[in-house]
Amino acid sequence: MDHQTGQEELPKIRIAVLDSGVDVNDLMIDIGIKQRRINCKKSKSFVHPNKKGPDNWRRDTCGHGTHVTQLLLKTAPAAEIFVGKICTDKVINDQYMPGISEAIYWATNECDAHIISISFGYEDHDDLIEDALDHAISKGKLIIAAASNNGGLKGRSRPASREGVICIHATDGKGNKGKMSPSPLDRSDNFATLGVAVPLRWQNKSVFKSGTSFATPIAVGFAAAVLRFAQYRCNLDPRKTRILRRKRGMEAVFRKMARLRDGYDFIHPCGLWKSRFGDTDREKLIAEAEEAKTARVIEDALEDL
C-alpha cells in the first residue's frame, strides 16, 4: 500500500544508468543501496580490463557515475535504479564500445528499464551500439542522453543526436543557457535543464559540477516523476500509457513543462507541478485540485498522439 495515496502500490519506475559505476563509500549511494533503491542483484559492469572478468560496478575512480546516480536518487526518489558500468574514466573511446552495446541490451532485456540514462557521448557511428539502441527503442524504452560539452565548436554527440533519443542540454538554475551546450537546432526540440554548478558530493567534500552530463539525470528524474504520477493520477488507456513511455509522448509532456529561453526549451517542474502540501482540509483540497490539473495537462499533451 502506498502510504501517501492510500492506493495499492504499483511497480516502481525502473531506471538504468550507464556510466562509470558508483562509489559505495559515498553516503548517498550507501543509503540508496541499503534502502534497495539501487538494485544490487542486477547492477553490473560491462568493463573488461583483463581476462579475469569484468570490473566492479561498485567502484568508481573518476566520480562521474557516482554524481549522476546521486542526482537520480535525488530527483527520482520512488524509482528503482540499475547501475551499468560502461567506463572507468570520463572519456569514451573505442575500447568501451562493445560494453556499451551489451549494457543497452542488458538495460532493455534484463532490467526491463522504463528509462535508460546516458550521460556520455561519442562522435563516430558504431554499428553494435546502433543495433542495441534500435532494439531498445523497438521495445518501447525511453532513452535520454546528454547533448555534449563542446559549446558551439561541435554539434550534438551520439547517441543524443540520433532518432529515438531525447537530447538534453544544460542551463543554470534560472534557465540561462550553459556555455558548454551545443547550439540549438532549428525545427527541433532543444530541451535543457539544470546542469551548471550543480551541488554534489565527492569523497566527503562538497563539489559543484557543470555539464550536460549532469542535466541529463535531472531530466530523467522529471520523466520518472511524470511516469509515476501517471500511474496513480492520470486516466490513460493502455495505448496512451505506452505512448507516454516512449520518446514522442515524453517529449509532448516536456513541451508542456518547458519555457523558451536563450533558444532552448528550459524544462522546470513548476511548468507542470504547482502542488502545495499541508495537513489542513483546505490545503489538502488545494493539493488535490492541483494534482487533477496536472493530470489533465499530461492527458492533453497525449491527446493527438
C-alpha atoms as a PDB file:
ATOM      1  CA  MET A   1       0.000   0.000   0.000  1.00  0.00           C
ATOM      2  CA  ASP A   2       1.350   3.442  -0.928  1.00  0.00           C
ATOM      3  CA  HIS A   3       1.473   5.453   2.298  1.00  0.00           C
ATOM      4  CA  GLN A   4       0.877   8.764   0.515  1.00  0.00           C
ATOM      5  CA  THR A   5      -2.021   7.843  -1.754  1.00  0.00           C
ATOM      6  CA  GLY A   6      -3.633   5.014   0.196  1.00  0.00           C
ATOM      7  CA  GLN A   7      -3.753   3.055  -3.069  1.00  0.00           C
ATOM      8  CA  GLU A   8      -2.221  -0.303  -3.815  1.00  0.00           C
ATOM      9  CA  GLU A   9       1.421   0.304  -4.671  1.00  0.00           C
ATOM     10  CA  LEU A  10       2.205  -0.143  -8.356  1.00  0.00           C
ATOM     11  CA  PRO A  11       5.518  -1.377  -9.778  1.00  0.00           C
ATOM     12  CA  LYS A  12       8.295   1.167  -9.484  1.00  0.00           C
ATOM     13  CA  ILE A  13       9.630   3.115 -12.426  1.00  0.00           C
ATOM     14  CA  ARG A  14      12.907   1.457 -13.418  1.00  0.00           C
ATOM     15  CA  ILE A  15      15.929   3.493 -14.490  1.00  0.00           C
ATOM     16  CA  ALA A  16      19.125   2.018 -15.926  1.00  0.00           C
ATOM     17  CA  VAL A  17      22.076   4.400 -15.635  1.00  0.00           C
ATOM     18  CA  LEU A  18      25.042   3.697 -17.900  1.00  0.00           C
ATOM     19  CA  ASP A  19      28.172   5.392 -16.582  1.00  0.00           C
ATOM     20  CA  SER A  20      31.394   4.828 -14.616  1.00  0.00           C
ATOM     21  CA  GLY A  21      29.838   2.825 -11.795  1.00  0.00           C
ATOM     22  CA  VAL A  22      29.308   4.105  -8.258  1.00  0.00           C
ATOM     23  CA  ASP A  23      31.415   4.585  -5.142  1.00  0.00           C
ATOM     24  CA  VAL A  24      29.669   2.574  -2.436  1.00  0.00           C
ATOM     25  CA  ASN A  25      31.551   4.534   0.230  1.00  0.00           C
ATOM     26  CA  ASP A  26      29.580   7.619  -0.752  1.00  0.00           C
ATOM     27  CA  LEU A  27      26.891   8.261   1.861  1.00  0.00           C
ATOM     28  CA  MET A  28      24.028   8.805  -0.568  1.00  0.00           C
ATOM     29  CA  ILE A  29      24.942   5.740  -2.627  1.00  0.00           C
ATOM     30  CA  ASP A  30      25.264   3.673   0.548  1.00  0.00           C
ATOM     31  CA  ILE A  31      21.808   4.769   1.697  1.00  0.00           C
ATOM     32  CA  GLY A  32      20.385   4.055  -1.767  1.00  0.00           C
ATOM     33  CA  ILE A  33      21.739   0.522  -1.592  1.00  0.00           C
ATOM     34  CA  LYS A  34      20.517  -0.076   1.962  1.00  0.00           C
ATOM     35  CA  GLN A  35      17.043   1.211   1.065  1.00  0.00           C
ATOM     36  CA  ARG A  36      17.084  -1.057  -2.010  1.00  0.00           C
ATOM     37  CA  ARG A  37      16.571   1.892  -4.293  1.00  0.00           C
ATOM     38  CA  ILE A  38      19.674   0.699  -6.135  1.00  0.00           C
ATOM     39  CA  ASN A  39      19.188  -2.849  -7.374  1.00  0.00           C
ATOM     40  CA  CYS A  40      22.388  -4.660  -6.410  1.00  0.00           C
ATOM     41  CA  LYS A  41      21.356  -8.038  -7.776  1.00  0.00           C
ATOM     42  CA  LYS A  42      21.095  -6.838 -11.367  1.00  0.00           C
ATOM     43  CA  SER A  43      23.585  -3.962 -11.397  1.00  0.00           C
ATOM     44  CA  LYS A  44      26.562  -4.990 -13.483  1.00  0.00           C
ATOM     45  CA  SER A  45      29.867  -3.944 -15.005  1.00  0.00           C
ATOM     46  CA  PHE A  46      30.496  -4.162 -18.739  1.00  0.00           C
ATOM     47  CA  VAL A  47      34.122  -3.068 -18.483  1.00  0.00           C
ATOM     48  CA  HIS A  48      36.667  -5.841 -19.032  1.00  0.00           C
ATOM     49  CA  PRO A  49      40.134  -4.562 -18.075  1.00  0.00           C
ATOM     50  CA  ASN A  50      41.684  -8.027 -18.118  1.00  0.00           C
ATOM     51  CA  LYS A  51      40.894 -11.679 -18.720  1.00  0.00           C
ATOM     52  CA  LYS A  52      39.970 -12.281 -15.087  1.00  0.00           C
ATOM     53  CA  GLY A  53      36.488 -10.865 -15.573  1.00  0.00           C
ATOM     54  CA  PRO A  54      34.584  -7.594 -15.525  1.00  0.00           C
ATOM     55  CA  ASP A  55      35.435  -4.631 -13.349  1.00  0.00           C
ATOM     56  CA  ASN A  56      33.263  -4.000 -10.280  1.00  0.00           C
ATOM     57  CA  TRP A  57      30.234  -1.732 -10.746  1.00  0.00           C
ATOM     58  CA  ARG A  58      30.641  -0.775  -7.071  1.00  0.00           C
ATOM     59  CA  ARG A  59      33.925   1.006  -7.830  1.00  0.00           C
ATOM     60  CA  ASP A  60      34.063   4.483  -9.398  1.00  0.00           C
ATOM     61  CA  THR A  61      37.514   6.031  -9.741  1.00  0.00           C
ATOM     62  CA  CYS A  62      36.504   9.245 -11.521  1.00  0.00           C
ATOM     63  CA  GLY A  63      33.265  10.119  -9.693  1.00  0.00           C
ATOM     64  CA  HIS A  64      31.170  10.744 -12.792  1.00  0.00           C
ATOM     65  CA  GLY A  65      28.837   7.787 -12.365  1.00  0.00           C
ATOM     66  CA  THR A  66      28.517   8.442  -8.644  1.00  0.00           C
ATOM     67  CA  HIS A  67      27.443  12.034  -9.286  1.00  0.00           C
ATOM     68  CA  VAL A  68      24.938  11.036 -11.960  1.00  0.00           C
ATOM     69  CA  THR A  69      23.470   8.380  -9.664  1.00  0.00           C
ATOM     70  CA  GLN A  70      23.319  10.847  -6.763  1.00  0.00           C
ATOM     71  CA  LEU A  71      21.173  13.102  -8.942  1.00  0.00           C
ATOM     72  CA  LEU A  72      18.893  10.214  -9.886  1.00  0.00           C
ATOM     73  CA  LEU A  73      18.442   9.339  -6.214  1.00  0.00           C
ATOM     74  CA  LYS A  74      17.530  12.978  -5.519  1.00  0.00           C
ATOM     75  CA  THR A  75      15.192  13.566  -8.456  1.00  0.00           C
ATOM     76  CA  ALA A  76      13.564  10.121  -8.722  1.00  0.00           C
ATOM     77  CA  PRO A  77      13.003   9.076  -5.082  1.00  0.00           C
ATOM     78  CA  ALA A  78      10.389   6.450  -5.959  1.00  0.00           C
ATOM     79  CA  ALA A  79      12.383   4.803  -8.758  1.00  0.00           C
ATOM     80  CA  GLU A  80      14.421   1.606  -8.826  1.00  0.00           C
ATOM     81  CA  ILE A  81      17.908   2.233 -10.185  1.00  0.00           C
ATOM     82  CA  PHE A  82      20.103  -0.255 -12.037  1.00  0.00           C
ATOM     83  CA  VAL A  83      23.786   0.646 -12.358  1.00  0.00           C
ATOM     84  CA  GLY A  84      25.511  -0.378 -15.576  1.00  0.00           C
ATOM     85  CA  LYS A  85      29.235   0.395 -15.544  1.00  0.00           C
ATOM     86  CA  ILE A  86      30.464   1.078 -19.077  1.00  0.00           C
ATOM     87  CA  CYS A  87      33.701   3.012 -18.484  1.00  0.00           C
ATOM     88  CA  THR A  88      36.358   3.816 -15.898  1.00  0.00           C
ATOM     89  CA  ASP A  89      37.000   7.454 -16.829  1.00  0.00           C
ATOM     90  CA  LYS A  90      35.224  10.450 -18.342  1.00  0.00           C
ATOM     91  CA  VAL A  91      36.356   9.878 -21.932  1.00  0.00           C
ATOM     92  CA  ILE A  92      34.552   7.319 -24.085  1.00  0.00           C
ATOM     93  CA  ASN A  93      36.866   5.595 -26.557  1.00  0.00           C
ATOM     94  CA  ASP A  94      36.755   2.539 -28.796  1.00  0.00           C
ATOM     95  CA  GLN A  95      37.588   0.049 -26.039  1.00  0.00           C
ATOM     96  CA  TYR A  96      34.266   0.789 -24.343  1.00  0.00           C
ATOM     97  CA  MET A  97      32.005   0.445 -27.386  1.00  0.00           C
ATOM     98  CA  PRO A  98      31.253  -3.319 -27.160  1.00  0.00           C
ATOM     99  CA  GLY A  99      30.450  -2.972 -23.460  1.00  0.00           C
ATOM    100  CA  ILE A 100      28.119  -0.037 -24.110  1.00  0.00           C
ATOM    101  CA  SER A 101      26.226  -2.154 -26.624  1.00  0.00           C
ATOM    102  CA  GLU A 102      25.967  -5.008 -24.103  1.00  0.00           C
ATOM    103  CA  ALA A 103      24.777  -2.590 -21.434  1.00  0.00           C
ATOM    104  CA  ILE A 104      21.959  -1.254 -23.603  1.00  0.00           C
ATOM    105  CA  TYR A 105      20.722  -4.801 -24.254  1.00  0.00           C
ATOM    106  CA  TRP A 106      21.022  -5.522 -20.514  1.00  0.00           C
ATOM    107  CA  ALA A 107      19.017  -2.414 -19.612  1.00  0.00           C
ATOM    108  CA  THR A 108      16.357  -3.374 -22.144  1.00  0.00           C
ATOM    109  CA  ASN A 109      16.047  -7.112 -21.614  1.00  0.00           C
ATOM    110  CA  GLU A 110      17.290  -7.970 -18.112  1.00  0.00           C
ATOM    111  CA  CYS A 111      16.305  -4.815 -16.236  1.00  0.00           C
ATOM    112  CA  ASP A 112      13.242  -4.041 -18.356  1.00  0.00           C
ATOM    113  CA  ALA A 113      14.048  -0.394 -17.625  1.00  0.00           C
ATOM    114  CA  HIS A 114      11.450   2.235 -18.419  1.00  0.00           C
ATOM    115  CA  ILE A 115      14.229   4.814 -18.872  1.00  0.00           C
ATOM    116  CA  ILE A 116      17.853   4.465 -19.939  1.00  0.00           C
ATOM    117  CA  SER A 117      20.002   7.363 -18.708  1.00  0.00           C
ATOM    118  CA  ILE A 118      23.087   8.112 -20.816  1.00  0.00           C
ATOM    119  CA  SER A 119      25.402  10.889 -19.606  1.00  0.00           C
ATOM    120  CA  PHE A 120      28.145  10.305 -22.149  1.00  0.00           C
ATOM    121  CA  GLY A 121      28.681  10.808 -25.843  1.00  0.00           C
ATOM    122  CA  TYR A 122      30.896   9.805 -28.748  1.00  0.00           C
ATOM    123  CA  GLU A 123      31.350  11.051 -32.301  1.00  0.00           C
ATOM    124  CA  ASP A 124      31.720   8.125 -34.677  1.00  0.00           C
ATOM    125  CA  HIS A 125      28.952   5.776 -35.768  1.00  0.00           C
ATOM    126  CA  ASP A 126      29.164   2.358 -34.116  1.00  0.00           C
ATOM    127  CA  ASP A 127      27.113  -0.483 -35.598  1.00  0.00           C
ATOM    128  CA  LEU A 128      26.908  -2.502 -32.374  1.00  0.00           C
ATOM    129  CA  ILE A 129      25.589   0.431 -30.361  1.00  0.00           C
ATOM    130  CA  GLU A 130      23.187   1.490 -33.112  1.00  0.00           C
ATOM    131  CA  ASP A 131      21.727  -2.028 -33.221  1.00  0.00           C
ATOM    132  CA  ALA A 132      21.356  -2.042 -29.435  1.00  0.00           C
ATOM    133  CA  LEU A 133      19.635   1.357 -29.477  1.00  0.00           C
ATOM    134  CA  ASP A 134      17.305   0.224 -32.266  1.00  0.00           C
ATOM    135  CA  HIS A 135      16.395  -2.792 -30.146  1.00  0.00           C
ATOM    136  CA  ALA A 136      15.744  -0.670 -27.050  1.00  0.00           C
ATOM    137  CA  ILE A 137      13.583   1.778 -28.982  1.00  0.00           C
ATOM    138  CA  SER A 138      11.632  -1.063 -30.602  1.00  0.00           C
ATOM    139  CA  LYS A 139      10.881  -2.361 -27.091  1.00  0.00           C
ATOM    140  CA  GLY A 140       9.434   0.994 -26.073  1.00  0.00           C
ATOM    141  CA  LYS A 141      12.315   2.182 -23.907  1.00  0.00           C
ATOM    142  CA  LEU A 142      12.748   5.873 -23.184  1.00  0.00           C
ATOM    143  CA  ILE A 143      16.355   6.879 -23.834  1.00  0.00           C
ATOM    144  CA  ILE A 144      17.569  10.235 -22.528  1.00  0.00           C
ATOM    145  CA  ALA A 145      21.115  11.337 -23.359  1.00  0.00           C
ATOM    146  CA  ALA A 146      23.484  14.264 -22.839  1.00  0.00           C
ATOM    147  CA  ALA A 147      23.903  16.650 -25.779  1.00  0.00           C
ATOM    148  CA  SER A 148      27.688  17.315 -25.494  1.00  0.00           C
ATOM    149  CA  ASN A 149      30.000  19.775 -23.751  1.00  0.00           C
ATOM    150  CA  ASN A 150      31.774  21.386 -26.716  1.00  0.00           C
ATOM    151  CA  GLY A 151      29.650  24.520 -26.972  1.00  0.00           C
ATOM    152  CA  GLY A 152      29.455  25.929 -30.496  1.00  0.00           C
ATOM    153  CA  LEU A 153      32.539  24.028 -31.648  1.00  0.00           C
ATOM    154  CA  LYS A 154      30.617  20.837 -32.368  1.00  0.00           C
ATOM    155  CA  GLY A 155      27.034  19.670 -32.594  1.00  0.00           C
ATOM    156  CA  ARG A 156      25.217  17.065 -30.556  1.00  0.00           C
ATOM    157  CA  SER A 157      27.162  13.897 -29.896  1.00  0.00           C
ATOM    158  CA  ARG A 158      25.884  10.368 -30.310  1.00  0.00           C
ATOM    159  CA  PRO A 159      23.598   8.875 -29.138  1.00  0.00           C
ATOM    160  CA  ALA A 160      21.787  12.142 -28.279  1.00  0.00           C
ATOM    161  CA  SER A 161      21.841  13.203 -31.940  1.00  0.00           C
ATOM    162  CA  ARG A 162      20.083  10.144 -33.315  1.00  0.00           C
ATOM    163  CA  GLU A 163      16.396   9.451 -33.878  1.00  0.00           C
ATOM    164  CA  GLY A 164      14.540   7.910 -30.976  1.00  0.00           C
ATOM    165  CA  VAL A 165      16.639   9.557 -28.243  1.00  0.00           C
ATOM    166  CA  ILE A 166      15.736  12.635 -26.178  1.00  0.00           C
ATOM    167  CA  CYS A 167      18.651  15.074 -26.134  1.00  0.00           C
ATOM    168  CA  ILE A 168      19.319  17.214 -23.041  1.00  0.00           C
ATOM    169  CA  HIS A 169      21.281  20.490 -22.844  1.00  0.00           C
ATOM    170  CA  ALA A 170      22.386  22.364 -19.720  1.00  0.00           C
ATOM    171  CA  THR A 171      21.237  25.610 -18.091  1.00  0.00           C
ATOM    172  CA  ASP A 172      21.885  27.354 -14.828  1.00  0.00           C
ATOM    173  CA  GLY A 173      19.265  27.356 -12.087  1.00  0.00           C
ATOM    174  CA  LYS A 174      17.369  30.231 -13.696  1.00  0.00           C
ATOM    175  CA  GLY A 175      17.210  28.693 -17.149  1.00  0.00           C
ATOM    176  CA  ASN A 176      20.078  30.641 -18.716  1.00  0.00           C
ATOM    177  CA  LYS A 177      21.972  28.593 -21.280  1.00  0.00           C
ATOM    178  CA  GLY A 178      25.114  26.780 -20.268  1.00  0.00           C
ATOM    179  CA  LYS A 179      28.156  27.680 -22.356  1.00  0.00           C
ATOM    180  CA  MET A 180      29.009  24.016 -22.823  1.00  0.00           C
ATOM    181  CA  SER A 181      25.744  23.192 -24.645  1.00  0.00           C
ATOM    182  CA  PRO A 182      25.885  22.820 -28.433  1.00  0.00           C
ATOM    183  CA  SER A 183      23.977  25.419 -30.418  1.00  0.00           C
ATOM    184  CA  PRO A 184      20.205  24.907 -30.541  1.00  0.00           C
ATOM    185  CA  LEU A 185      18.801  23.387 -33.719  1.00  0.00           C
ATOM    186  CA  ASP A 186      16.093  24.888 -35.897  1.00  0.00           C
ATOM    187  CA  ARG A 187      12.843  22.950 -36.196  1.00  0.00           C
ATOM    188  CA  SER A 188      13.806  20.716 -33.288  1.00  0.00           C
ATOM    189  CA  ASP A 189      13.193  20.393 -29.590  1.00  0.00           C
ATOM    190  CA  ASN A 190      16.151  21.780 -27.659  1.00  0.00           C
ATOM    191  CA  PHE A 191      15.351  20.554 -24.168  1.00  0.00           C
ATOM    192  CA  ALA A 192      17.551  21.858 -21.368  1.00  0.00           C
ATOM    193  CA  THR A 193      17.555  21.868 -17.594  1.00  0.00           C
ATOM    194  CA  LEU A 194      19.862  22.484 -14.643  1.00  0.00           C
ATOM    195  CA  GLY A 195      23.410  21.408 -15.434  1.00  0.00           C
ATOM    196  CA  VAL A 196      25.548  24.374 -14.359  1.00  0.00           C
ATOM    197  CA  ALA A 197      27.132  24.497 -10.894  1.00  0.00           C
ATOM    198  CA  VAL A 198      25.138  21.504  -9.667  1.00  0.00           C
ATOM    199  CA  PRO A 199      25.897  20.864  -5.964  1.00  0.00           C
ATOM    200  CA  LEU A 200      27.185  17.338  -5.329  1.00  0.00           C
ATOM    201  CA  ARG A 201      29.473  15.363  -3.003  1.00  0.00           C
ATOM    202  CA  TRP A 202      32.716  13.530  -3.726  1.00  0.00           C
ATOM    203  CA  GLN A 203      34.917  11.853  -1.142  1.00  0.00           C
ATOM    204  CA  ASN A 204      33.115  13.628   1.698  1.00  0.00           C
ATOM    205  CA  LYS A 205      33.584  17.075   0.172  1.00  0.00           C
ATOM    206  CA  SER A 206      31.126  19.436  -1.495  1.00  0.00           C
ATOM    207  CA  VAL A 207      31.755  19.962  -5.205  1.00  0.00           C
ATOM    208  CA  PHE A 208      29.966  21.825  -7.978  1.00  0.00           C
ATOM    209  CA  LYS A 209      29.738  20.155 -11.367  1.00  0.00           C
ATOM    210  CA  SER A 210      28.701  21.527 -14.744  1.00  0.00           C
ATOM    211  CA  GLY A 211      27.825  19.782 -17.991  1.00  0.00           C
ATOM    212  CA  THR A 212      25.014  18.259 -19.987  1.00  0.00           C
ATOM    213  CA  SER A 213      26.015  15.017 -18.239  1.00  0.00           C
ATOM    214  CA  PHE A 214      24.507  16.381 -15.032  1.00  0.00           C
ATOM    215  CA  ALA A 215      21.463  17.936 -16.673  1.00  0.00           C
ATOM    216  CA  THR A 216      20.581  14.514 -18.086  1.00  0.00           C
ATOM    217  CA  PRO A 217      19.820  12.658 -14.808  1.00  0.00           C
ATOM    218  CA  ILE A 218      17.770  15.649 -13.654  1.00  0.00           C
ATOM    219  CA  ALA A 219      15.684  15.390 -16.834  1.00  0.00           C
ATOM    220  CA  VAL A 220      15.472  11.624 -16.281  1.00  0.00           C
ATOM    221  CA  GLY A 221      14.166  12.334 -12.781  1.00  0.00           C
ATOM    222  CA  PHE A 222      11.478  14.600 -14.237  1.00  0.00           C
ATOM    223  CA  ALA A 223      10.495  11.861 -16.700  1.00  0.00           C
ATOM    224  CA  ALA A 224      10.350   9.249 -13.937  1.00  0.00           C
ATOM    225  CA  ALA A 225       8.149  11.569 -11.865  1.00  0.00           C
ATOM    226  CA  VAL A 226       5.780  12.009 -14.815  1.00  0.00           C
ATOM    227  CA  LEU A 227       5.525   8.244 -15.314  1.00  0.00           C
ATOM    228  CA  ARG A 228       4.978   7.642 -11.600  1.00  0.00           C
ATOM    229  CA  PHE A 229       2.362  10.386 -11.346  1.00  0.00           C
ATOM    230  CA  ALA A 230       0.546   8.997 -14.384  1.00  0.00           C
ATOM    231  CA  GLN A 231       0.369   5.558 -12.758  1.00  0.00           C
ATOM    232  CA  TYR A 232      -1.737   6.945  -9.923  1.00  0.00           C
ATOM    233  CA  ARG A 233      -3.432  10.082 -11.179  1.00  0.00           C
ATOM    234  CA  CYS A 234      -3.946  10.001 -14.951  1.00  0.00           C
ATOM    235  CA  ASN A 235      -6.812   8.361 -16.765  1.00  0.00           C
ATOM    236  CA  LEU A 236      -4.823   6.761 -19.572  1.00  0.00           C
ATOM    237  CA  ASP A 237      -5.795   3.712 -21.565  1.00  0.00           C
ATOM    238  CA  PRO A 238      -3.063   1.127 -22.324  1.00  0.00           C
ATOM    239  CA  ARG A 239      -2.258   2.728 -25.684  1.00  0.00           C
ATOM    240  CA  LYS A 240      -1.755   6.194 -24.172  1.00  0.00           C
ATOM    241  CA  THR A 241       0.338   4.694 -21.386  1.00  0.00           C
ATOM    242  CA  ARG A 242       2.624   3.093 -23.978  1.00  0.00           C
ATOM    243  CA  ILE A 243       2.916   6.396 -25.838  1.00  0.00           C
ATOM    244  CA  LEU A 244       3.789   8.303 -22.653  1.00  0.00           C
ATOM    245  CA  ARG A 245       6.623   5.863 -22.001  1.00  0.00           C
ATOM    246  CA  ARG A 246       8.125   6.480 -25.427  1.00  0.00           C
ATOM    247  CA  LYS A 247      10.038   9.427 -26.848  1.00  0.00           C
ATOM    248  CA  ARG A 248       7.165  11.201 -28.575  1.00  0.00           C
ATOM    249  CA  GLY A 249       4.924  11.004 -25.519  1.00  0.00           C
ATOM    250  CA  MET A 250       7.510  12.256 -23.043  1.00  0.00           C
ATOM    251  CA  GLU A 251       8.574  14.990 -25.438  1.00  0.00           C
ATOM    252  CA  ALA A 252       4.953  16.152 -25.592  1.00  0.00           C
ATOM    253  CA  VAL A 253       4.875  16.415 -21.783  1.00  0.00           C
ATOM    254  CA  PHE A 254       8.293  18.098 -21.673  1.00  0.00           C
ATOM    255  CA  ARG A 255       6.955  20.746 -24.064  1.00  0.00           C
ATOM    256  CA  LYS A 256       4.219  21.469 -21.544  1.00  0.00           C
ATOM    257  CA  MET A 257       6.869  21.834 -18.829  1.00  0.00           C
ATOM    258  CA  ALA A 258       9.233  23.958 -20.920  1.00  0.00           C
ATOM    259  CA  ARG A 259       9.665  27.679 -21.487  1.00  0.00           C
ATOM    260  CA  LEU A 260      11.673  29.014 -24.430  1.00  0.00           C
ATOM    261  CA  ARG A 261      14.775  30.846 -23.208  1.00  0.00           C
ATOM    262  CA  ASP A 262      18.038  31.637 -24.999  1.00  0.00           C
ATOM    263  CA  GLY A 263      16.953  29.390 -27.857  1.00  0.00           C
ATOM    264  CA  TYR A 264      16.494  26.355 -25.594  1.00  0.00           C
ATOM    265  CA  ASP A 265      13.378  24.711 -24.177  1.00  0.00           C
ATOM    266  CA  PHE A 266      14.036  25.120 -20.454  1.00  0.00           C
ATOM    267  CA  ILE A 267      12.333  22.294 -18.548  1.00  0.00           C
ATOM    268  CA  HIS A 268      11.304  23.089 -14.999  1.00  0.00           C
ATOM    269  CA  PRO A 269       8.960  21.070 -12.756  1.00  0.00           C
ATOM    270  CA  CYS A 270       6.975  24.226 -11.958  1.00  0.00           C
ATOM    271  CA  GLY A 271       5.800  24.049 -15.555  1.00  0.00           C
ATOM    272  CA  LEU A 272       3.778  21.003 -14.549  1.00  0.00           C
ATOM    273  CA  TRP A 273       3.563  20.739 -10.753  1.00  0.00           C
ATOM    274  CA  LYS A 274       2.392  23.553  -8.528  1.00  0.00           C
ATOM    275  CA  SER A 275       1.075  21.474  -5.640  1.00  0.00           C
ATOM    276  CA  ARG A 276       1.277  22.770  -2.098  1.00  0.00           C
ATOM    277  CA  PHE A 277       1.004  20.131   0.595  1.00  0.00           C
ATOM    278  CA  GLY A 278      -0.292  20.547   4.122  1.00  0.00           C
ATOM    279  CA  ASP A 279      -2.388  18.973   6.818  1.00  0.00           C
ATOM    280  CA  THR A 280      -5.418  21.251   6.894  1.00  0.00           C
ATOM    281  CA  ASP A 281      -8.545  20.385   4.928  1.00  0.00           C
ATOM    282  CA  ARG A 282      -8.102  23.498   2.813  1.00  0.00           C
ATOM    283  CA  GLU A 283      -4.502  22.653   1.962  1.00  0.00           C
ATOM    284  CA  LYS A 284      -5.493  19.103   1.057  1.00  0.00           C
ATOM    285  CA  LEU A 285      -8.247  20.373  -1.252  1.00  0.00           C
ATOM    286  CA  ILE A 286      -5.822  22.741  -2.959  1.00  0.00           C
ATOM    287  CA  ALA A 287      -3.304  19.913  -3.427  1.00  0.00           C
ATOM    288  CA  GLU A 288      -5.972  17.628  -4.892  1.00  0.00           C
ATOM    289  CA  ALA A 289      -7.088  20.357  -7.302  1.00  0.00           C
ATOM    290  CA  GLU A 290      -3.506  20.954  -8.425  1.00  0.00           C
ATOM    291  CA  GLU A 291      -2.941  17.230  -8.942  1.00  0.00           C
ATOM    292  CA  ALA A 292      -6.109  16.997 -11.022  1.00  0.00           C
ATOM    293  CA  LYS A 293      -4.893  19.939 -13.104  1.00  0.00           C
ATOM    294  CA  THR A 294      -1.512  18.285 -13.640  1.00  0.00           C
ATOM    295  CA  ALA A 295      -3.215  15.061 -14.719  1.00  0.00           C
ATOM    296  CA  ARG A 296      -5.233  16.998 -17.305  1.00  0.00           C
ATOM    297  CA  VAL A 297      -2.091  18.650 -18.657  1.00  0.00           C
ATOM    298  CA  ILE A 298      -0.454  15.246 -19.174  1.00  0.00           C
ATOM    299  CA  GLU A 299      -3.601  13.788 -20.723  1.00  0.00           C
ATOM    300  CA  ASP A 300      -3.969  16.806 -23.027  1.00  0.00           C
ATOM    301  CA  ALA A 301      -0.332  16.521 -24.121  1.00  0.00           C
ATOM    302  CA  LEU A 302      -1.046  12.992 -25.362  1.00  0.00           C
ATOM    303  CA  GLU A 303      -4.424  13.799 -26.888  1.00  0.00           C
ATOM    304  CA  ASP A 304      -3.386  13.938 -30.547  1.00  0.00           C
ATOM    305  CA  LEU A 305      -0.641  11.301 -30.434  1.00  0.00           C
END
